[in-house]
């Protein structure tokens, strides 16, 4: 892949995973976060923090996420760090996400019995 910048669809729009109620995975994701007492901020694309664009190019929806709330963005800086409380809360959030997402079966995959 040689394209630089945001990956675009055939109409030239940035290729993003739906973060609304039309995406059943988003609903599970959002519920997993709120069940920990947290809330999501406005979705955004953070360049240079993930290789998700390559997965999206293959047509696979991707949700990127970081539970580092109220933390300055110091990615790759000489003093990059997290407060211990933010780190430990992040573990709790990821436990909820992993449990919820790994047990979710989309309607299209459910067996009709």
Protein backbone atom coordinates (compact mmCIF):
# COMPACT_ATOMS: atom_id res chain seq x y z
CA UNK A 1 0.00 0.00 0.00
CA UNK A 2 1.57 3.23 -1.08
CA UNK A 3 -1.22 5.73 -0.46
CA UNK A 4 -0.48 8.33 2.19
CA UNK A 5 -3.09 10.14 4.24
CA UNK A 6 -6.62 8.98 4.98
CA UNK A 7 -7.94 6.03 2.98
CA UNK A 8 -10.96 7.05 0.90
CA UNK A 9 -13.99 5.29 -0.56
CA UNK A 10 -15.00 5.45 -4.24
CA UNK A 11 -16.66 8.86 -3.65
CA UNK A 12 -13.55 10.29 -2.00
CA UNK A 13 -14.93 10.25 1.55
CA UNK A 14 -12.66 9.07 4.39
CA UNK A 15 -13.23 5.37 5.03
CA UNK A 16 -14.46 5.06 8.60
CA UNK A 17 -16.33 2.48 10.64
CA UNK A 18 -19.85 3.62 11.55
CA UNK A 19 -20.05 4.90 15.12
CA UNK A 20 -23.82 5.10 15.36
CA UNK A 21 -26.76 2.80 16.04
CA UNK A 22 -26.56 1.28 12.53
CA UNK A 23 -23.47 -0.66 13.63
CA UNK A 24 -24.35 -3.45 16.10
CA UNK A 25 -20.70 -3.74 17.15
CA UNK A 26 -20.71 -0.04 18.07
CA UNK A 27 -23.76 -0.58 20.27
CA UNK A 28 -21.99 -3.39 22.15
CA UNK A 29 -18.81 -1.31 22.34
CA UNK A 30 -20.66 1.72 23.71
CA UNK A 31 -22.55 -0.38 26.27
CA UNK A 32 -19.33 -2.01 27.47
CA UNK A 33 -17.83 1.43 28.11
CA UNK A 34 -20.88 2.85 29.88
CA UNK A 35 -21.16 -0.27 32.06
CA UNK A 36 -17.82 0.75 33.62
CA UNK A 37 -19.18 4.18 34.53
CA UNK A 38 -17.31 5.87 31.69
CA UNK A 39 -18.58 7.70 28.63
CA UNK A 40 -17.21 8.06 25.15
CA UNK A 41 -16.09 11.33 23.66
CA UNK A 42 -16.68 12.29 20.05
CA UNK A 43 -15.08 9.71 17.72
CA UNK A 44 -12.03 10.96 15.86
CA UNK A 45 -9.17 9.67 13.76
CA UNK A 46 -5.78 9.79 15.43
CA UNK A 47 -3.04 9.56 12.84
CA UNK A 48 0.05 7.49 13.58
CA UNK A 49 -1.53 5.57 16.47
CA UNK A 50 -2.82 2.51 14.65
CA UNK A 51 -2.54 0.43 11.51
CA UNK A 52 -6.33 0.09 11.33
CA UNK A 53 -6.41 1.80 7.94
CA UNK A 54 -4.84 -1.29 6.37
CA UNK A 55 -7.52 -3.52 7.89
CA UNK A 56 -10.28 -1.13 6.75
CA UNK A 57 -8.88 -1.27 3.21
CA UNK A 58 -9.69 -4.98 3.26
CA UNK A 59 -13.31 -4.13 4.09
CA UNK A 60 -13.06 -5.11 7.76
CA UNK A 61 -14.65 -2.57 10.14
CA UNK A 62 -12.30 -1.35 12.87
CA UNK A 63 -12.92 0.61 16.07
CA UNK A 64 -9.83 2.18 17.58
CA UNK A 65 -9.95 3.11 21.22
CA UNK A 66 -7.81 4.32 24.09
CA UNK A 67 -9.07 4.62 27.68
CA UNK A 68 -6.56 7.36 28.55
CA UNK A 69 -8.95 10.06 29.74
CA UNK A 70 -7.73 13.43 31.00
CA UNK A 71 -4.22 12.58 29.84
CA UNK A 72 -2.04 14.82 27.69
CA UNK A 73 -1.22 13.32 24.30
CA UNK A 74 2.50 12.61 24.55
CA UNK A 75 2.79 9.79 22.01
CA UNK A 76 6.45 9.01 21.34
CA UNK A 77 7.54 12.02 23.39
CA UNK A 78 10.54 11.81 25.72
CA UNK A 79 8.22 12.02 28.74
CA UNK A 80 5.35 9.83 27.53
CA UNK A 81 3.58 8.46 30.61
CA UNK A 82 0.26 7.55 32.26
CA UNK A 83 -0.90 8.12 35.80
CA UNK A 84 -1.27 4.84 37.68
CA UNK A 85 -4.99 5.47 38.26
CA UNK A 86 -5.58 5.98 34.52
CA UNK A 87 -3.67 2.78 33.75
CA UNK A 88 -5.62 0.70 36.28
CA UNK A 89 -8.98 2.13 35.16
CA UNK A 90 -7.98 1.30 31.58
CA UNK A 91 -7.51 -2.34 32.54
CA UNK A 92 -11.05 -2.40 33.96
CA UNK A 93 -12.42 -0.81 30.78
CA UNK A 94 -10.58 -3.28 28.53
CA UNK A 95 -11.87 -6.22 30.61
CA UNK A 96 -15.41 -5.01 29.94
CA UNK A 97 -14.74 -4.48 26.23
CA UNK A 98 -13.11 -7.86 25.72
CA UNK A 99 -15.86 -9.69 27.59
CA UNK A 100 -18.66 -7.89 25.74
CA UNK A 101 -17.21 -7.99 22.24
CA UNK A 102 -15.99 -11.59 22.45
CA UNK A 103 -19.41 -12.89 23.50
CA UNK A 104 -21.45 -10.87 20.99
CA UNK A 105 -23.02 -12.76 18.10
CA UNK A 106 -24.36 -10.47 15.36
CA UNK A 107 -27.89 -11.19 14.19
CA UNK A 108 -26.57 -12.13 10.73
CA UNK A 109 -24.51 -14.96 12.30
CA UNK A 110 -27.15 -16.39 14.61
CA UNK A 111 -28.54 -19.80 13.77
CA UNK A 112 -32.26 -19.91 13.21
CA UNK A 113 -33.53 -22.88 15.10
